[in-house]
Amino acid sequence: MITSRVVETTGIVKIFNRGREEKEEIVANQDVNCFFLKGKMNMLMGENGSGKSTFVSILSGITNQDSGSVAIFSQNSGLIKNATLKERRKFIKLVPQNIPFVSSISALENIMVDYHSALTPN
């Protein structure tokens, strides 16, 4: 059985600048290459500050990478229009760590909440 790659990243780099006077660069992601297979559960693991949240924000379209590419269903995400981007977000879920779960609904329902719309400017 051949399992297709639904998401693939190549050479993802994201650098943040900190400080007004001393342009200190913080490298959040450097040359990240990975893929996620259809029908498989995937997870990212790493130490605090290792760039996991930044990488997931790039995958979900909330943050743009400085270089490299993200392909969703073999389509470069940089070429995806807004309507397709919303469709893509049905497959990539981001549950921000600073937004608490709603206790009156199930864990799955919390994951299905469209946090992307709340976090992404129109």
PDB file of N, CA and C in Angstrom:
ATOM      1  N   MET A   1       0.833  -1.178   0.000  1.00  0.00           N
ATOM      2  CA  MET A   1       0.000   0.000   0.000  1.00  0.00           C
ATOM      3  C   MET A   1       0.885   1.252   0.000  1.00  0.00           C
ATOM      4  N   ILE A   2       0.704   2.103  -0.964  1.00  0.00           N
ATOM      5  CA  ILE A   2       1.464   3.345  -1.063  1.00  0.00           C
ATOM      6  C   ILE A   2       0.695   4.436  -0.321  1.00  0.00           C
ATOM      7  N   THR A   3       1.374   5.082   0.602  1.00  0.00           N
ATOM      8  CA  THR A   3       0.768   6.168   1.357  1.00  0.00           C
ATOM      9  C   THR A   3       1.283   7.477   0.800  1.00  0.00           C
ATOM     10  N   SER A   4       0.362   8.381   0.461  1.00  0.00           N
ATOM     11  CA  SER A   4       0.786   9.634  -0.154  1.00  0.00           C
ATOM     12  C   SER A   4       1.161  10.679   0.894  1.00  0.00           C
ATOM     13  N   ARG A   5       2.021  11.575   0.481  1.00  0.00           N
ATOM     14  CA  ARG A   5       2.443  12.685   1.328  1.00  0.00           C
ATOM     15  C   ARG A   5       1.410  13.804   1.169  1.00  0.00           C
ATOM     16  N   VAL A   6       0.792  14.191   2.265  1.00  0.00           N
ATOM     17  CA  VAL A   6      -0.195  15.266   2.184  1.00  0.00           C
ATOM     18  C   VAL A   6       0.431  16.625   2.465  1.00  0.00           C
ATOM     19  N   VAL A   7       1.497  16.636   3.238  1.00  0.00           N
ATOM     20  CA  VAL A   7       2.238  17.864   3.518  1.00  0.00           C
ATOM     21  C   VAL A   7       3.715  17.536   3.417  1.00  0.00           C
ATOM     22  N   GLU A   8       4.437  18.417   2.747  1.00  0.00           N
ATOM     23  CA  GLU A   8       5.885  18.229   2.639  1.00  0.00           C
ATOM     24  C   GLU A   8       6.561  19.588   2.714  1.00  0.00           C
ATOM     25  N   THR A   9       7.588  19.682   3.548  1.00  0.00           N
ATOM     26  CA  THR A   9       8.346  20.929   3.649  1.00  0.00           C
ATOM     27  C   THR A   9       9.774  20.695   3.178  1.00  0.00           C
ATOM     28  N   THR A  10      10.328  21.721   2.562  1.00  0.00           N
ATOM     29  CA  THR A  10      11.692  21.653   2.073  1.00  0.00           C
ATOM     30  C   THR A  10      12.414  22.939   2.443  1.00  0.00           C
ATOM     31  N   GLY A  11      13.464  22.811   3.227  1.00  0.00           N
ATOM     32  CA  GLY A  11      14.336  23.947   3.532  1.00  0.00           C
ATOM     33  C   GLY A  11      13.667  25.110   4.245  1.00  0.00           C
ATOM     34  N   ILE A  12      12.723  24.848   5.127  1.00  0.00           N
ATOM     35  CA  ILE A  12      12.018  25.936   5.819  1.00  0.00           C
ATOM     36  C   ILE A  12      12.974  26.688   6.747  1.00  0.00           C
ATOM     37  N   VAL A  13      12.979  28.011   6.584  1.00  0.00           N
ATOM     38  CA  VAL A  13      13.774  28.891   7.443  1.00  0.00           C
ATOM     39  C   VAL A  13      12.864  30.014   7.922  1.00  0.00           C
ATOM     40  N   LYS A  14      12.924  30.283   9.221  1.00  0.00           N
ATOM     41  CA  LYS A  14      12.206  31.427   9.790  1.00  0.00           C
ATOM     42  C   LYS A  14      13.114  32.080  10.810  1.00  0.00           C
ATOM     43  N   ILE A  15      13.380  33.379  10.593  1.00  0.00           N
ATOM     44  CA  ILE A  15      14.240  34.155  11.479  1.00  0.00           C
ATOM     45  C   ILE A  15      13.458  35.375  11.959  1.00  0.00           C
ATOM     46  N   PHE A  16      13.488  35.597  13.262  1.00  0.00           N
ATOM     47  CA  PHE A  16      12.857  36.778  13.842  1.00  0.00           C
ATOM     48  C   PHE A  16      13.941  37.751  14.257  1.00  0.00           C
ATOM     49  N   ASN A  17      13.683  39.041  14.076  1.00  0.00           N
ATOM     50  CA  ASN A  17      14.611  40.081  14.520  1.00  0.00           C
ATOM     51  C   ASN A  17      14.123  40.623  15.844  1.00  0.00           C
ATOM     52  N   ARG A  18      15.043  40.773  16.778  1.00  0.00           N
ATOM     53  CA  ARG A  18      14.704  41.282  18.103  1.00  0.00           C
ATOM     54  C   ARG A  18      15.580  42.480  18.412  1.00  0.00           C
ATOM     55  N   GLY A  19      14.985  43.482  18.982  1.00  0.00           N
ATOM     56  CA  GLY A  19      15.733  44.678  19.356  1.00  0.00           C
ATOM     57  C   GLY A  19      15.710  45.722  18.262  1.00  0.00           C
ATOM     58  N   ARG A  20      15.562  46.953  18.666  1.00  0.00           N
ATOM     59  CA  ARG A  20      15.494  48.048  17.689  1.00  0.00           C
ATOM     60  C   ARG A  20      16.880  48.475  17.221  1.00  0.00           C
ATOM     61  N   GLU A  21      17.785  48.560  18.148  1.00  0.00           N
ATOM     62  CA  GLU A  21      19.112  49.058  17.829  1.00  0.00           C
ATOM     63  C   GLU A  21      20.059  47.944  17.410  1.00  0.00           C
ATOM     64  N   GLU A  22      20.042  46.862  18.154  1.00  0.00           N
ATOM     65  CA  GLU A  22      20.945  45.750  17.860  1.00  0.00           C
ATOM     66  C   GLU A  22      20.179  44.678  17.108  1.00  0.00           C
ATOM     67  N   LYS A  23      20.097  44.667  15.911  1.00  0.00           N
ATOM     68  CA  LYS A  23      19.333  43.715  15.114  1.00  0.00           C
ATOM     69  C   LYS A  23      19.713  42.265  15.425  1.00  0.00           C
ATOM     70  N   GLU A  24      19.322  41.815  16.603  1.00  0.00           N
ATOM     71  CA  GLU A  24      19.619  40.448  17.009  1.00  0.00           C
ATOM     72  C   GLU A  24      18.667  39.497  16.285  1.00  0.00           C
ATOM     73  N   GLU A  25      19.221  38.493  15.649  1.00  0.00           N
ATOM     74  CA  GLU A  25      18.410  37.515  14.920  1.00  0.00           C
ATOM     75  C   GLU A  25      18.187  36.267  15.758  1.00  0.00           C
ATOM     76  N   ILE A  26      16.937  35.836  15.812  1.00  0.00           N
ATOM     77  CA  ILE A  26      16.565  34.601  16.491  1.00  0.00           C
ATOM     78  C   ILE A  26      16.147  33.617  15.406  1.00  0.00           C
ATOM     79  N   VAL A  27      16.887  32.541  15.252  1.00  0.00           N
ATOM     80  CA  VAL A  27      16.559  31.531  14.240  1.00  0.00           C
ATOM     81  C   VAL A  27      15.580  30.552  14.867  1.00  0.00           C
ATOM     82  N   ALA A  28      14.328  30.607  14.411  1.00  0.00           N
ATOM     83  CA  ALA A  28      13.287  29.720  14.939  1.00  0.00           C
ATOM     84  C   ALA A  28      13.294  28.384  14.207  1.00  0.00           C
ATOM     85  N   ASN A  29      13.455  28.430  12.904  1.00  0.00           N
ATOM     86  CA  ASN A  29      13.523  27.213  12.080  1.00  0.00           C
ATOM     87  C   ASN A  29      14.657  27.380  11.087  1.00  0.00           C
ATOM     88  N   GLN A  30      15.467  26.340  10.943  1.00  0.00           N
ATOM     89  CA  GLN A  30      16.553  26.395   9.977  1.00  0.00           C
ATOM     90  C   GLN A  30      16.608  25.098   9.192  1.00  0.00           C
ATOM     91  N   ASP A  31      16.344  25.212   7.901  1.00  0.00           N
ATOM     92  CA  ASP A  31      16.435  24.092   6.965  1.00  0.00           C
ATOM     93  C   ASP A  31      15.605  22.881   7.417  1.00  0.00           C
ATOM     94  N   VAL A  32      14.319  23.123   7.693  1.00  0.00           N
ATOM     95  CA  VAL A  32      13.423  22.061   8.145  1.00  0.00           C
ATOM     96  C   VAL A  32      12.856  21.338   6.928  1.00  0.00           C
ATOM     97  N   ASN A  33      13.141  20.042   6.864  1.00  0.00           N
ATOM     98  CA  ASN A  33      12.625  19.169   5.809  1.00  0.00           C
ATOM     99  C   ASN A  33      11.843  18.046   6.475  1.00  0.00           C
ATOM    100  N   CYS A  34      10.587  17.879   6.100  1.00  0.00           N
ATOM    101  CA  CYS A  34       9.808  16.774   6.651  1.00  0.00           C
ATOM    102  C   CYS A  34       8.599  16.510   5.772  1.00  0.00           C
ATOM    103  N   PHE A  35       7.913  15.431   6.053  1.00  0.00           N
ATOM    104  CA  PHE A  35       6.662  15.156   5.353  1.00  0.00           C
ATOM    105  C   PHE A  35       5.715  14.445   6.301  1.00  0.00           C
ATOM    106  N   PHE A  36       4.422  14.582   5.985  1.00  0.00           N
ATOM    107  CA  PHE A  36       3.362  13.958   6.757  1.00  0.00           C
ATOM    108  C   PHE A  36       2.545  13.087   5.813  1.00  0.00           C
ATOM    109  N   LEU A  37       2.282  11.862   6.213  1.00  0.00           N
ATOM    110  CA  LEU A  37       1.605  10.896   5.364  1.00  0.00           C
ATOM    111  C   LEU A  37       0.100  10.876   5.603  1.00  0.00           C
ATOM    112  N   LYS A  38      -0.634  10.662   4.537  1.00  0.00           N
ATOM    113  CA  LYS A  38      -2.099  10.577   4.596  1.00  0.00           C
ATOM    114  C   LYS A  38      -2.517   9.429   5.518  1.00  0.00           C
ATOM    115  N   GLY A  39      -3.469   9.732   6.401  1.00  0.00           N
ATOM    116  CA  GLY A  39      -4.023   8.708   7.266  1.00  0.00           C
ATOM    117  C   GLY A  39      -3.167   8.339   8.461  1.00  0.00           C
ATOM    118  N   LYS A  40      -2.064   9.033   8.658  1.00  0.00           N
ATOM    119  CA  LYS A  40      -1.163   8.740   9.775  1.00  0.00           C
ATOM    120  C   LYS A  40      -1.218   9.870  10.791  1.00  0.00           C
ATOM    121  N   MET A  41      -1.094   9.521  12.059  1.00  0.00           N
ATOM    122  CA  MET A  41      -1.017  10.537  13.098  1.00  0.00           C
ATOM    123  C   MET A  41       0.421  11.035  13.144  1.00  0.00           C
ATOM    124  N   ASN A  42       0.574  12.323  13.199  1.00  0.00           N
ATOM    125  CA  ASN A  42       1.901  12.932  13.206  1.00  0.00           C
ATOM    126  C   ASN A  42       2.036  13.839  14.413  1.00  0.00           C
ATOM    127  N   MET A  43       3.246  13.954  14.911  1.00  0.00           N
ATOM    128  CA  MET A  43       3.483  14.885  16.011  1.00  0.00           C
ATOM    129  C   MET A  43       4.883  15.452  15.905  1.00  0.00           C
ATOM    130  N   LEU A  44       5.034  16.623  16.476  1.00  0.00           N
ATOM    131  CA  LEU A  44       6.335  17.282  16.563  1.00  0.00           C
ATOM    132  C   LEU A  44       6.755  17.274  18.016  1.00  0.00           C
ATOM    133  N   MET A  45       7.982  16.918  18.241  1.00  0.00           N
ATOM    134  CA  MET A  45       8.505  16.918  19.606  1.00  0.00           C
ATOM    135  C   MET A  45       9.785  17.724  19.637  1.00  0.00           C
ATOM    136  N   GLY A  46      10.014  18.399  20.729  1.00  0.00           N
ATOM    137  CA  GLY A  46      11.245  19.147  20.894  1.00  0.00           C
ATOM    138  C   GLY A  46      11.229  19.923  22.186  1.00  0.00           C
ATOM    139  N   GLU A  47      12.367  20.435  22.534  1.00  0.00           N
ATOM    140  CA  GLU A  47      12.507  21.211  23.768  1.00  0.00           C
ATOM    141  C   GLU A  47      11.787  22.546  23.634  1.00  0.00           C
ATOM    142  N   ASN A  48      11.555  23.205  24.766  1.00  0.00           N
ATOM    143  CA  ASN A  48      10.992  24.554  24.753  1.00  0.00           C
ATOM    144  C   ASN A  48      11.893  25.448  23.916  1.00  0.00           C
ATOM    145  N   GLY A  49      11.273  26.245  23.067  1.00  0.00           N
ATOM    146  CA  GLY A  49      12.038  27.182  22.257  1.00  0.00           C
ATOM    147  C   GLY A  49      12.699  26.584  21.043  1.00  0.00           C
ATOM    148  N   SER A  50      12.351  25.348  20.694  1.00  0.00           N
ATOM    149  CA  SER A  50      13.009  24.704  19.556  1.00  0.00           C
ATOM    150  C   SER A  50      12.353  25.022  18.211  1.00  0.00           C
ATOM    151  N   GLY A  51      11.258  25.784  18.204  1.00  0.00           N
ATOM    152  CA  GLY A  51      10.652  26.207  16.943  1.00  0.00           C
ATOM    153  C   GLY A  51       9.419  25.427  16.518  1.00  0.00           C
ATOM    154  N   LYS A  52       8.884  24.584  17.382  1.00  0.00           N
ATOM    155  CA  LYS A  52       7.702  23.768  17.032  1.00  0.00           C
ATOM    156  C   LYS A  52       6.495  24.638  16.697  1.00  0.00           C
ATOM    157  N   SER A  53       6.188  25.591  17.559  1.00  0.00           N
ATOM    158  CA  SER A  53       5.012  26.446  17.343  1.00  0.00           C
ATOM    159  C   SER A  53       5.174  27.285  16.078  1.00  0.00           C
ATOM    160  N   THR A  54       6.365  27.799  15.861  1.00  0.00           N
ATOM    161  CA  THR A  54       6.624  28.575  14.645  1.00  0.00           C
ATOM    162  C   THR A  54       6.422  27.703  13.413  1.00  0.00           C
ATOM    163  N   PHE A  55       6.938  26.478  13.453  1.00  0.00           N
ATOM    164  CA  PHE A  55       6.811  25.571  12.313  1.00  0.00           C
ATOM    165  C   PHE A  55       5.345  25.238  12.026  1.00  0.00           C
ATOM    166  N   VAL A  56       4.574  24.960  13.064  1.00  0.00           N
ATOM    167  CA  VAL A  56       3.154  24.647  12.869  1.00  0.00           C
ATOM    168  C   VAL A  56       2.413  25.883  12.364  1.00  0.00           C
ATOM    169  N   SER A  57       2.794  27.063  12.821  1.00  0.00           N
ATOM    170  CA  SER A  57       2.181  28.291  12.314  1.00  0.00           C
ATOM    171  C   SER A  57       2.475  28.478  10.827  1.00  0.00           C
ATOM    172  N   ILE A  58       3.656  28.077  10.397  1.00  0.00           N
ATOM    173  CA  ILE A  58       3.997  28.130   8.972  1.00  0.00           C
ATOM    174  C   ILE A  58       3.163  27.115   8.203  1.00  0.00           C
ATOM    175  N   LEU A  59       3.064  25.894   8.719  1.00  0.00           N
ATOM    176  CA  LEU A  59       2.268  24.868   8.047  1.00  0.00           C
ATOM    177  C   LEU A  59       0.820  25.294   7.869  1.00  0.00           C
ATOM    178  N   SER A  60       0.279  25.953   8.885  1.00  0.00           N
ATOM    179  CA  SER A  60      -1.132  26.318   8.855  1.00  0.00           C
ATOM    180  C   SER A  60      -1.404  27.634   8.136  1.00  0.00           C
ATOM    181  N   GLY A  61      -0.363  28.336   7.752  1.00  0.00           N
ATOM    182  CA  GLY A  61      -0.549  29.572   6.993  1.00  0.00           C
ATOM    183  C   GLY A  61      -0.683  30.818   7.840  1.00  0.00           C
ATOM    184  N   ILE A  62      -0.499  30.717   9.142  1.00  0.00           N
ATOM    185  CA  ILE A  62      -0.587  31.890  10.012  1.00  0.00           C
ATOM    186  C   ILE A  62       0.669  32.738   9.885  1.00  0.00           C
ATOM    187  N   THR A  63       1.814  32.085   9.737  1.00  0.00           N
ATOM    188  CA  THR A  63       3.109  32.754   9.606  1.00  0.00           C
ATOM    189  C   THR A  63       3.739  32.350   8.286  1.00  0.00           C
ATOM    190  N   ASN A  64       4.414  33.277   7.629  1.00  0.00           N
ATOM    191  CA  ASN A  64       5.130  32.962   6.396  1.00  0.00           C
ATOM    192  C   ASN A  64       6.588  32.642   6.710  1.00  0.00           C
ATOM    193  N   GLN A  65       7.127  31.654   6.027  1.00  0.00           N
ATOM    194  CA  GLN A  65       8.539  31.327   6.177  1.00  0.00           C
ATOM    195  C   GLN A  65       9.375  32.347   5.420  1.00  0.00           C
ATOM    196  N   ASP A  66      10.633  32.497   5.835  1.00  0.00           N
ATOM    197  CA  ASP A  66      11.545  33.400   5.140  1.00  0.00           C
ATOM    198  C   ASP A  66      12.088  32.760   3.867  1.00  0.00           C
ATOM    199  N   SER A  67      12.289  31.458   3.897  1.00  0.00           N
ATOM    200  CA  SER A  67      12.689  30.728   2.697  1.00  0.00           C
ATOM    201  C   SER A  67      12.257  29.276   2.849  1.00  0.00           C
ATOM    202  N   GLY A  68      12.360  28.543   1.759  1.00  0.00           N
ATOM    203  CA  GLY A  68      11.901  27.166   1.741  1.00  0.00           C
ATOM    204  C   GLY A  68      10.477  27.084   1.215  1.00  0.00           C
ATOM    205  N   SER A  69       9.947  25.870   1.157  1.00  0.00           N
ATOM    206  CA  SER A  69       8.600  25.704   0.604  1.00  0.00           C
ATOM    207  C   SER A  69       7.782  24.716   1.426  1.00  0.00           C
ATOM    208  N   VAL A  70       6.469  24.934   1.369  1.00  0.00           N
ATOM    209  CA  VAL A  70       5.496  24.032   1.974  1.00  0.00           C
ATOM    210  C   VAL A  70       4.576  23.594   0.848  1.00  0.00           C
ATOM    211  N   ALA A  71       4.450  22.291   0.676  1.00  0.00           N
ATOM    212  CA  ALA A  71       3.524  21.762  -0.334  1.00  0.00           C
ATOM    213  C   ALA A  71       2.406  21.019   0.386  1.00  0.00           C
ATOM    214  N   ILE A  72       1.182  21.383   0.050  1.00  0.00           N
ATOM    215  CA  ILE A  72      -0.002  20.727   0.592  1.00  0.00           C
ATOM    216  C   ILE A  72      -0.660  20.007  -0.573  1.00  0.00           C
ATOM    217  N   PHE A  73      -0.802  18.688  -0.453  1.00  0.00           N
ATOM    218  CA  PHE A  73      -1.328  17.870  -1.554  1.00  0.00           C
ATOM    219  C   PHE A  73      -0.579  18.192  -2.848  1.00  0.00           C
ATOM    220  N   SER A  74       0.745  18.308  -2.740  1.00  0.00           N
ATOM    221  CA  SER A  74       1.660  18.560  -3.865  1.00  0.00           C
ATOM    222  C   SER A  74       1.519  19.942  -4.482  1.00  0.00           C
ATOM    223  N   GLN A  75       0.790  20.858  -3.841  1.00  0.00           N
ATOM    224  CA  GLN A  75       0.653  22.219  -4.353  1.00  0.00           C
ATOM    225  C   GLN A  75       1.421  23.161  -3.437  1.00  0.00           C
ATOM    226  N   ASN A  76       2.312  23.958  -4.010  1.00  0.00           N
ATOM    227  CA  ASN A  76       3.095  24.899  -3.222  1.00  0.00           C
ATOM    228  C   ASN A  76       2.160  25.859  -2.517  1.00  0.00           C
ATOM    229  N   SER A  77       2.251  25.936  -1.186  1.00  0.00           N
ATOM    230  CA  SER A  77       1.320  26.759  -0.411  1.00  0.00           C
ATOM    231  C   SER A  77       1.469  28.243  -0.711  1.00  0.00           C
ATOM    232  N   GLY A  78       2.612  28.663  -1.219  1.00  0.00           N
ATOM    233  CA  GLY A  78       2.790  30.064  -1.596  1.00  0.00           C
ATOM    234  C   GLY A  78       1.915  30.467  -2.762  1.00  0.00           C
ATOM    235  N   LEU A  79       1.417  29.493  -3.498  1.00  0.00           N
ATOM    236  CA  LEU A  79       0.569  29.770  -4.653  1.00  0.00           C
ATOM    237  C   LEU A  79      -0.917  29.563  -4.356  1.00  0.00           C
ATOM    238  N   ILE A  80      -1.240  29.183  -3.134  1.00  0.00           N
ATOM    239  CA  ILE A  80      -2.623  28.870  -2.766  1.00  0.00           C
ATOM    240  C   ILE A  80      -3.395  30.153  -2.497  1.00  0.00           C
ATOM    241  N   LYS A  81      -4.560  30.265  -3.078  1.00  0.00           N
ATOM    242  CA  LYS A  81      -5.433  31.420  -2.864  1.00  0.00           C
ATOM    243  C   LYS A  81      -6.139  31.287  -1.517  1.00  0.00           C
ATOM    244  N   ASN A  82      -6.723  32.375  -1.019  1.00  0.00           N
ATOM    245  CA  ASN A  82      -7.350  32.375   0.302  1.00  0.00           C
ATOM    246  C   ASN A  82      -8.428  31.311   0.467  1.00  0.00           C
ATOM    247  N   ALA A  83      -9.277  31.097  -0.535  1.00  0.00           N
ATOM    248  CA  ALA A  83     -10.344  30.094  -0.409  1.00  0.00           C
ATOM    249  C   ALA A  83      -9.747  28.710  -0.230  1.00  0.00           C
ATOM    250  N   THR A  84      -8.700  28.412  -0.987  1.00  0.00           N
ATOM    251  CA  THR A  84      -8.049  27.114  -0.868  1.00  0.00           C
ATOM    252  C   THR A  84      -7.310  27.008   0.453  1.00  0.00           C
ATOM    253  N   LEU A  85      -6.795  28.129   0.924  1.00  0.00           N
ATOM    254  CA  LEU A  85      -6.117  28.151   2.219  1.00  0.00           C
ATOM    255  C   LEU A  85      -7.088  27.752   3.321  1.00  0.00           C
ATOM    256  N   LYS A  86      -8.323  28.238   3.263  1.00  0.00           N
ATOM    257  CA  LYS A  86      -9.333  27.844   4.246  1.00  0.00           C
ATOM    258  C   LYS A  86      -9.628  26.355   4.137  1.00  0.00           C
ATOM    259  N   GLU A  87      -9.646  25.846   2.930  1.00  0.00           N
ATOM    260  CA  GLU A  87      -9.869  24.405   2.711  1.00  0.00           C
ATOM    261  C   GLU A  87      -8.708  23.608   3.307  1.00  0.00           C
ATOM    262  N   ARG A  88      -7.499  24.094   3.114  1.00  0.00           N
ATOM    263  CA  ARG A  88      -6.307  23.426   3.638  1.00  0.00           C
ATOM    264  C   ARG A  88      -6.360  23.320   5.149  1.00  0.00           C
ATOM    265  N   ARG A  89      -6.922  24.339   5.788  1.00  0.00           N
ATOM    266  CA  ARG A  89      -6.967  24.362   7.241  1.00  0.00           C
ATOM    267  C   ARG A  89      -7.910  23.318   7.828  1.00  0.00           C
ATOM    268  N   LYS A  90      -8.706  22.692   6.989  1.00  0.00           N
ATOM    269  CA  LYS A  90      -9.534  21.585   7.458  1.00  0.00           C
ATOM    270  C   LYS A  90      -8.655  20.378   7.775  1.00  0.00           C
ATOM    271  N   PHE A  91      -7.458  20.331   7.183  1.00  0.00           N
ATOM    272  CA  PHE A  91      -6.569  19.186   7.344  1.00  0.00           C
ATOM    273  C   PHE A  91      -5.430  19.444   8.318  1.00  0.00           C
ATOM    274  N   ILE A  92      -5.117  20.709   8.546  1.00  0.00           N
ATOM    275  CA  ILE A  92      -4.046  21.061   9.472  1.00  0.00           C
ATOM    276  C   ILE A  92      -4.675  21.838  10.608  1.00  0.00           C
ATOM    277  N   LYS A  93      -4.678  21.252  11.774  1.00  0.00           N
ATOM    278  CA  LYS A  93      -5.312  21.887  12.926  1.00  0.00           C
ATOM    279  C   LYS A  93      -4.253  22.434  13.868  1.00  0.00           C
ATOM    280  N   LEU A  94      -4.489  23.622  14.327  1.00  0.00           N
ATOM    281  CA  LEU A  94      -3.607  24.273  15.277  1.00  0.00           C
ATOM    282  C   LEU A  94      -4.432  24.635  16.495  1.00  0.00           C
ATOM    283  N   VAL A  95      -4.053  24.104  17.622  1.00  0.00           N
ATOM    284  CA  VAL A  95      -4.684  24.461  18.884  1.00  0.00           C
ATOM    285  C   VAL A  95      -3.632  25.227  19.677  1.00  0.00           C
ATOM    286  N   PRO A  96      -3.725  26.552  19.676  1.00  0.00           N
ATOM    287  CA  PRO A  96      -2.708  27.351  20.356  1.00  0.00           C
ATOM    288  C   PRO A  96      -2.626  27.017  21.835  1.00  0.00           C
ATOM    289  N   GLN A  97      -1.409  26.998  22.351  1.00  0.00           N
ATOM    290  CA  GLN A  97      -1.227  26.619  23.744  1.00  0.00           C
ATOM    291  C   GLN A  97      -1.708  27.689  24.712  1.00  0.00           C
ATOM    292  N   ASN A  98      -1.883  28.922  24.241  1.00  0.00           N
ATOM    293  CA  ASN A  98      -2.315  29.977  25.149  1.00  0.00           C
ATOM    294  C   ASN A  98      -3.824  30.219  25.113  1.00  0.00           C
ATOM    295  N   ILE A  99      -4.572  29.402  24.387  1.00  0.00           N
ATOM    296  CA  ILE A  99      -6.033  29.493  24.376  1.00  0.00           C
ATOM    297  C   ILE A  99      -6.568  28.271  25.115  1.00  0.00           C
ATOM    298  N   PRO A 100      -7.293  28.478  26.197  1.00  0.00           N
ATOM    299  CA  PRO A 100      -7.765  27.329  26.995  1.00  0.00           C
ATOM    300  C   PRO A 100      -8.861  26.555  26.278  1.00  0.00           C
ATOM    301  N   PHE A 101      -8.945  25.281  26.595  1.00  0.00           N
ATOM    302  CA  PHE A 101     -10.014  24.458  26.067  1.00  0.00           C
ATOM    303  C   PHE A 101     -11.341  24.903  26.658  1.00  0.00           C
ATOM    304  N   VAL A 102     -12.395  24.722  25.889  1.00  0.00           N
ATOM    305  CA  VAL A 102     -13.745  24.996  26.361  1.00  0.00           C
ATOM    306  C   VAL A 102     -14.217  23.746  27.088  1.00  0.00           C
ATOM    307  N   SER A 103     -14.473  23.855  28.375  1.00  0.00           N
ATOM    308  CA  SER A 103     -14.768  22.669  29.181  1.00  0.00           C
ATOM    309  C   SER A 103     -16.131  22.045  28.875  1.00  0.00           C
ATOM    310  N   SER A 104     -17.029  22.796  28.243  1.00  0.00           N
ATOM    311  CA  SER A 104     -18.369  22.263  27.995  1.00  0.00           C
ATOM    312  C   SER A 104     -18.452  21.406  26.725  1.00  0.00           C
ATOM    313  N   ILE A 105     -17.347  21.323  25.954  1.00  0.00           N
ATOM    314  CA  ILE A 105     -17.348  20.483  24.757  1.00  0.00           C
ATOM    315  C   ILE A 105     -16.206  19.470  24.855  1.00  0.00           C
ATOM    316  N   SER A 106     -16.250  18.461  23.998  1.00  0.00           N
ATOM    317  CA  SER A 106     -15.256  17.383  24.049  1.00  0.00           C
ATOM    318  C   SER A 106     -13.886  17.858  23.557  1.00  0.00           C
ATOM    319  N   ALA A 107     -12.874  17.034  23.816  1.00  0.00           N
ATOM    320  CA  ALA A 107     -11.520  17.345  23.337  1.00  0.00           C
ATOM    321  C   ALA A 107     -11.499  17.440  21.816  1.00  0.00           C
ATOM    322  N   LEU A 108     -12.183  16.513  21.133  1.00  0.00           N
ATOM    323  CA  LEU A 108     -12.235  16.550  19.664  1.00  0.00           C
ATOM    324  C   LEU A 108     -12.915  17.823  19.179  1.00  0.00           C
ATOM    325  N   GLU A 109     -14.005  18.213  19.813  1.00  0.00           N
ATOM    326  CA  GLU A 109     -14.695  19.442  19.415  1.00  0.00           C
ATOM    327  C   GLU A 109     -13.795  20.660  19.625  1.00  0.00           C
ATOM    328  N   ASN A 110     -12.995  20.659  20.691  1.00  0.00           N
ATOM    329  CA  ASN A 110     -12.046  21.745  20.910  1.00  0.00           C
ATOM    330  C   ASN A 110     -11.029  21.818  19.788  1.00  0.00           C
ATOM    331  N   ILE A 111     -10.555  20.672  19.336  1.00  0.00           N
ATOM    332  CA  ILE A 111      -9.570  20.637  18.251  1.00  0.00           C
ATOM    333  C   ILE A 111     -10.185  21.121  16.945  1.00  0.00           C
ATOM    334  N   MET A 112     -11.464  20.853  16.746  1.00  0.00           N
ATOM    335  CA  MET A 112     -12.135  21.218  15.498  1.00  0.00           C
ATOM    336  C   MET A 112     -12.519  22.698  15.443  1.00  0.00           C
ATOM    337  N   VAL A 113     -12.444  23.408  16.575  1.00  0.00           N
ATOM    338  CA  VAL A 113     -12.744  24.837  16.579  1.00  0.00           C
ATOM    339  C   VAL A 113     -11.788  25.531  15.609  1.00  0.00           C
ATOM    340  N   ASP A 114     -12.291  26.470  14.842  1.00  0.00           N
ATOM    341  CA  ASP A 114     -11.480  27.143  13.823  1.00  0.00           C
ATOM    342  C   ASP A 114     -10.690  28.287  14.440  1.00  0.00           C
ATOM    343  N   TYR A 115      -9.622  27.948  15.155  1.00  0.00           N
ATOM    344  CA  TYR A 115      -8.761  28.965  15.753  1.00  0.00           C
ATOM    345  C   TYR A 115      -8.047  29.774  14.677  1.00  0.00           C
ATOM    346  N   HIS A 116      -7.863  29.194  13.494  1.00  0.00           N
ATOM    347  CA  HIS A 116      -7.170  29.897  12.405  1.00  0.00           C
ATOM    348  C   HIS A 116      -7.878  31.210  12.077  1.00  0.00           C
ATOM    349  N   SER A 117      -9.210  31.168  11.946  1.00  0.00           N
ATOM    350  CA  SER A 117      -9.958  32.362  11.598  1.00  0.00           C
ATOM    351  C   SER A 117      -9.806  33.436  12.655  1.00  0.00           C
ATOM    352  N   ALA A 118      -9.755  33.008  13.905  1.00  0.00           N
ATOM    353  CA  ALA A 118      -9.610  33.969  14.999  1.00  0.00           C
ATOM    354  C   ALA A 118      -8.215  34.589  15.031  1.00  0.00           C
ATOM    355  N   LEU A 119      -7.206  33.846  14.579  1.00  0.00           N
ATOM    356  CA  LEU A 119      -5.814  34.316  14.670  1.00  0.00           C
ATOM    357  C   LEU A 119      -5.300  34.956  13.398  1.00  0.00           C
ATOM    358  N   THR A 120      -5.974  34.735  12.268  1.00  0.00           N
ATOM    359  CA  THR A 120      -5.478  35.219  10.982  1.00  0.00           C
ATOM    360  C   THR A 120      -6.205  36.490  10.585  1.00  0.00           C
ATOM    361  N   PRO A 121      -5.479  37.568  10.300  1.00  0.00           N
ATOM    362  CA  PRO A 121      -6.144  38.805   9.878  1.00  0.00           C
ATOM    363  C   PRO A 121      -6.827  38.608   8.536  1.00  0.00           C
ATOM    364  N   ASN A 122      -7.928  39.335   8.332  1.00  0.00           N
ATOM    365  CA  ASN A 122      -8.684  39.225   7.064  1.00  0.00           C
ATOM    366  C   ASN A 122      -7.955  39.880   5.934  1.00  0.00           C
TER     367      ASN A 122
END
